N, C-alpha and C. Protein backbone atom coordinates (compact mmCIF):
# COMPACT_ATOMS: atom_id res chain seq x y z
N UNK A 1 0.86 -1.16 0.00
CA UNK A 1 0.02 0.01 0.01
C UNK A 1 0.87 1.25 0.02
N UNK A 2 0.57 2.23 -0.84
CA UNK A 2 1.36 3.42 -0.99
C UNK A 2 0.77 4.50 -0.04
N UNK A 3 1.66 5.12 0.80
CA UNK A 3 1.26 6.21 1.64
C UNK A 3 2.34 7.25 1.62
N UNK A 4 1.90 8.44 1.87
CA UNK A 4 2.84 9.56 2.00
C UNK A 4 2.74 10.09 3.42
N UNK A 5 3.80 10.63 3.89
CA UNK A 5 3.87 11.19 5.23
C UNK A 5 4.29 12.62 5.14
N UNK A 6 3.36 13.57 5.22
CA UNK A 6 3.73 14.99 5.02
C UNK A 6 4.67 15.54 6.10
N UNK A 7 4.70 14.97 7.28
CA UNK A 7 5.62 15.44 8.31
C UNK A 7 6.98 14.80 8.26
N UNK A 8 7.23 14.00 7.26
CA UNK A 8 8.54 13.26 7.08
C UNK A 8 9.67 14.20 6.89
N UNK A 9 9.45 15.32 6.28
CA UNK A 9 10.56 16.26 5.97
C UNK A 9 11.24 16.78 7.21
N UNK A 10 10.60 16.68 8.40
CA UNK A 10 11.21 17.18 9.63
C UNK A 10 11.80 16.11 10.47
N UNK A 11 11.75 14.85 9.97
CA UNK A 11 12.30 13.74 10.73
C UNK A 11 13.79 13.63 10.42
N UNK A 12 14.55 13.27 11.43
CA UNK A 12 16.03 13.13 11.25
C UNK A 12 16.33 11.99 10.33
N UNK A 13 17.42 12.14 9.57
CA UNK A 13 17.81 11.10 8.64
C UNK A 13 19.36 11.08 8.67
N UNK A 14 19.86 9.84 8.73
CA UNK A 14 21.31 9.70 8.71
C UNK A 14 21.82 9.60 7.30
N UNK A 15 22.82 10.47 7.01
CA UNK A 15 23.35 10.49 5.65
C UNK A 15 24.84 10.38 5.77
N UNK A 16 25.45 9.55 4.95
CA UNK A 16 26.89 9.39 4.89
C UNK A 16 27.44 10.25 3.77
N UNK A 17 28.25 11.23 4.03
CA UNK A 17 28.75 12.14 3.00
C UNK A 17 29.53 11.40 1.99
N UNK A 18 30.25 10.35 2.40
CA UNK A 18 31.06 9.58 1.53
C UNK A 18 30.19 8.95 0.42
N UNK A 19 28.94 8.64 0.67
CA UNK A 19 28.08 8.04 -0.30
C UNK A 19 27.53 9.04 -1.29
N UNK A 20 27.62 10.37 -0.98
CA UNK A 20 27.06 11.37 -1.86
C UNK A 20 28.04 11.75 -3.00
N UNK A 21 29.32 11.58 -2.73
CA UNK A 21 30.33 11.96 -3.73
C UNK A 21 30.83 10.67 -4.41
N UNK A 22 30.73 10.69 -5.75
CA UNK A 22 31.15 9.49 -6.52
C UNK A 22 32.67 9.18 -6.25
N UNK A 23 33.02 7.87 -6.24
CA UNK A 23 34.38 7.46 -6.02
C UNK A 23 35.40 7.95 -7.07
N UNK A 24 34.88 8.21 -8.24
CA UNK A 24 35.82 8.65 -9.31
C UNK A 24 35.80 10.18 -9.48
N UNK A 25 35.32 10.92 -8.57
CA UNK A 25 35.17 12.38 -8.67
C UNK A 25 36.63 12.99 -8.65
N UNK A 26 36.89 14.03 -9.45
CA UNK A 26 38.16 14.64 -9.59
C UNK A 26 38.76 15.10 -8.27
N UNK A 27 37.94 15.75 -7.38
CA UNK A 27 38.48 16.23 -6.16
C UNK A 27 38.90 15.08 -5.21
N UNK A 28 38.14 14.02 -5.26
CA UNK A 28 38.50 12.84 -4.47
C UNK A 28 39.84 12.29 -4.89
N UNK A 29 40.03 12.21 -6.21
CA UNK A 29 41.32 11.70 -6.74
C UNK A 29 42.42 12.60 -6.37
N UNK A 30 42.26 13.88 -6.43
CA UNK A 30 43.31 14.86 -6.08
C UNK A 30 43.65 14.69 -4.54
N UNK A 31 42.63 14.56 -3.76
CA UNK A 31 42.87 14.45 -2.32
C UNK A 31 43.63 13.14 -1.96
N UNK A 32 43.35 12.06 -2.72
CA UNK A 32 44.02 10.81 -2.49
C UNK A 32 45.52 10.83 -3.03
N UNK A 33 45.70 11.64 -4.04
CA UNK A 33 47.02 11.66 -4.69
C UNK A 33 48.04 12.57 -4.04
N UNK A 34 47.57 13.75 -3.58
CA UNK A 34 48.45 14.79 -3.08
C UNK A 34 48.36 14.84 -1.58
N UNK A 35 49.53 14.86 -0.91
CA UNK A 35 49.61 15.00 0.54
C UNK A 35 49.80 16.52 0.79
N UNK A 36 48.71 17.16 1.30
CA UNK A 36 48.68 18.60 1.51
C UNK A 36 49.33 18.99 2.86
N UNK A 37 49.84 18.05 3.61
CA UNK A 37 50.37 18.41 4.96
C UNK A 37 51.57 19.34 4.92
N UNK A 38 52.25 19.36 3.82
CA UNK A 38 53.44 20.30 3.68
C UNK A 38 53.01 21.74 3.82
N UNK A 39 51.81 22.01 3.49
CA UNK A 39 51.36 23.46 3.54
C UNK A 39 51.29 23.91 5.00
N UNK A 40 50.74 23.11 5.91
CA UNK A 40 50.73 23.41 7.27
C UNK A 40 52.12 23.66 7.83
N UNK A 41 53.08 22.85 7.47
CA UNK A 41 54.46 22.99 8.01
C UNK A 41 55.10 24.24 7.40
N UNK A 42 54.81 24.61 6.18
CA UNK A 42 55.35 25.85 5.60
C UNK A 42 54.76 27.09 6.26
N UNK A 43 53.49 27.03 6.69
CA UNK A 43 52.77 28.17 7.23
C UNK A 43 52.99 28.32 8.73
N UNK A 44 53.38 27.28 9.43
CA UNK A 44 53.41 27.24 10.85
C UNK A 44 54.34 28.40 11.41
N UNK A 45 55.51 28.68 10.84
CA UNK A 45 56.34 29.77 11.36
C UNK A 45 55.76 31.15 11.16
N UNK A 46 54.77 31.27 10.30
CA UNK A 46 54.17 32.60 10.06
C UNK A 46 53.12 32.98 11.06
N UNK A 47 52.72 32.08 11.96
CA UNK A 47 51.70 32.32 12.95
C UNK A 47 52.26 32.33 14.33
N UNK A 48 51.76 33.23 15.12
CA UNK A 48 52.15 33.26 16.59
C UNK A 48 51.52 32.08 17.31
N UNK A 49 52.32 31.42 18.16
CA UNK A 49 51.81 30.28 18.86
C UNK A 49 50.99 30.58 20.11
N UNK A 50 51.20 31.77 20.71
CA UNK A 50 50.52 32.09 21.98
C UNK A 50 49.76 33.43 21.98
N UNK A 51 49.52 34.02 20.83
CA UNK A 51 48.88 35.34 20.85
C UNK A 51 48.02 35.44 19.57
N UNK A 52 46.91 36.16 19.71
CA UNK A 52 46.05 36.42 18.59
C UNK A 52 44.95 35.38 18.42
N UNK A 53 44.18 35.55 17.40
CA UNK A 53 43.01 34.70 17.12
C UNK A 53 43.52 33.35 16.48
N UNK A 54 42.72 32.33 16.65
CA UNK A 54 43.06 31.07 16.00
C UNK A 54 42.93 31.26 14.51
N UNK A 55 43.83 30.68 13.72
CA UNK A 55 43.84 30.86 12.26
C UNK A 55 42.81 29.89 11.60
N UNK A 56 42.52 30.25 10.37
CA UNK A 56 41.77 29.34 9.52
C UNK A 56 42.82 28.32 9.00
N UNK A 57 42.51 27.10 8.94
CA UNK A 57 43.44 26.05 8.53
C UNK A 57 44.03 26.41 7.17
N UNK A 58 45.34 26.64 7.02
CA UNK A 58 45.97 26.99 5.78
C UNK A 58 45.76 25.90 4.71
N UNK A 59 45.70 24.65 5.11
CA UNK A 59 45.47 23.55 4.12
C UNK A 59 44.06 23.73 3.48
N UNK A 60 43.09 24.06 4.32
CA UNK A 60 41.74 24.33 3.81
C UNK A 60 41.71 25.47 2.88
N UNK A 61 42.40 26.58 3.25
CA UNK A 61 42.39 27.72 2.33
C UNK A 61 43.05 27.35 1.02
N UNK A 62 44.13 26.64 1.05
CA UNK A 62 44.81 26.26 -0.20
C UNK A 62 43.85 25.34 -1.03
N UNK A 63 43.22 24.45 -0.38
CA UNK A 63 42.30 23.52 -1.18
C UNK A 63 41.17 24.37 -1.80
N UNK A 64 40.66 25.37 -1.03
CA UNK A 64 39.60 26.21 -1.58
C UNK A 64 40.08 26.95 -2.83
N UNK A 65 41.28 27.55 -2.70
CA UNK A 65 41.82 28.24 -3.92
C UNK A 65 42.08 27.33 -5.06
N UNK A 66 42.53 26.11 -4.81
CA UNK A 66 42.72 25.11 -5.86
C UNK A 66 41.41 24.77 -6.53
N UNK A 67 40.35 24.62 -5.80
CA UNK A 67 39.06 24.33 -6.33
C UNK A 67 38.58 25.51 -7.22
N UNK A 68 38.82 26.77 -6.71
CA UNK A 68 38.49 27.93 -7.54
C UNK A 68 39.24 27.96 -8.85
N UNK A 69 40.52 27.58 -8.84
CA UNK A 69 41.34 27.57 -10.02
C UNK A 69 40.81 26.43 -10.97
N UNK A 70 40.62 25.27 -10.48
CA UNK A 70 40.19 24.14 -11.31
C UNK A 70 38.83 24.35 -11.94
N UNK A 71 37.88 25.00 -11.26
CA UNK A 71 36.57 25.21 -11.79
C UNK A 71 36.34 26.61 -12.36
N UNK A 72 37.40 27.42 -12.43
CA UNK A 72 37.30 28.74 -13.05
C UNK A 72 36.43 29.71 -12.25
N UNK A 73 36.47 29.63 -10.96
CA UNK A 73 35.70 30.55 -10.09
C UNK A 73 36.71 31.66 -9.68
N UNK A 74 36.51 32.88 -10.12
CA UNK A 74 37.38 33.97 -9.91
C UNK A 74 37.10 34.73 -8.63
N UNK A 75 35.87 34.71 -8.23
CA UNK A 75 35.50 35.48 -7.05
C UNK A 75 35.54 34.60 -5.77
N UNK A 76 36.17 35.15 -4.74
CA UNK A 76 36.25 34.39 -3.46
C UNK A 76 34.85 34.17 -2.89
N UNK A 77 33.99 35.19 -2.97
CA UNK A 77 32.65 35.04 -2.47
C UNK A 77 31.86 34.00 -3.22
N UNK A 78 31.99 33.99 -4.51
CA UNK A 78 31.34 32.95 -5.33
C UNK A 78 31.87 31.57 -4.95
N UNK A 79 33.18 31.52 -4.74
CA UNK A 79 33.81 30.24 -4.40
C UNK A 79 33.26 29.71 -3.09
N UNK A 80 33.09 30.55 -2.08
CA UNK A 80 32.51 30.15 -0.79
C UNK A 80 31.11 29.64 -0.98
N UNK A 81 30.33 30.34 -1.84
CA UNK A 81 28.92 29.83 -2.07
C UNK A 81 28.96 28.50 -2.77
N UNK A 82 29.81 28.36 -3.76
CA UNK A 82 29.91 27.03 -4.45
C UNK A 82 30.31 25.93 -3.55
N UNK A 83 31.21 26.21 -2.60
CA UNK A 83 31.70 25.14 -1.71
C UNK A 83 30.59 24.83 -0.71
N UNK A 84 29.74 25.79 -0.34
CA UNK A 84 28.62 25.48 0.56
C UNK A 84 27.57 24.66 -0.11
N UNK A 85 27.37 24.90 -1.38
CA UNK A 85 26.29 24.17 -2.08
C UNK A 85 26.75 22.82 -2.66
N UNK A 86 27.94 22.75 -3.15
CA UNK A 86 28.45 21.52 -3.78
C UNK A 86 29.09 20.67 -2.73
N UNK A 87 28.55 19.53 -2.43
CA UNK A 87 28.99 18.64 -1.39
C UNK A 87 30.35 18.07 -1.67
N UNK A 88 30.75 17.92 -2.96
CA UNK A 88 32.02 17.35 -3.33
C UNK A 88 33.18 18.23 -2.85
């Protein structure tokens, strides 16, 4: 028997983000191929260890700029919007 539940949209649902992005996606391949940890080591001396606000992860910033370059997104604001919308 077919039924619809109009209140279902407010029920919690468990979603695995890994299942939403295809295994052969370009960004997944880049992340598996390149070790980005060198960026954190290069940037560490540029930040104060005991003073100031916590920084945004330099690796994350680099990955964001790389995505902008790969997908031809010139505006940083547009890039942030794309990253929020596109789960990959």
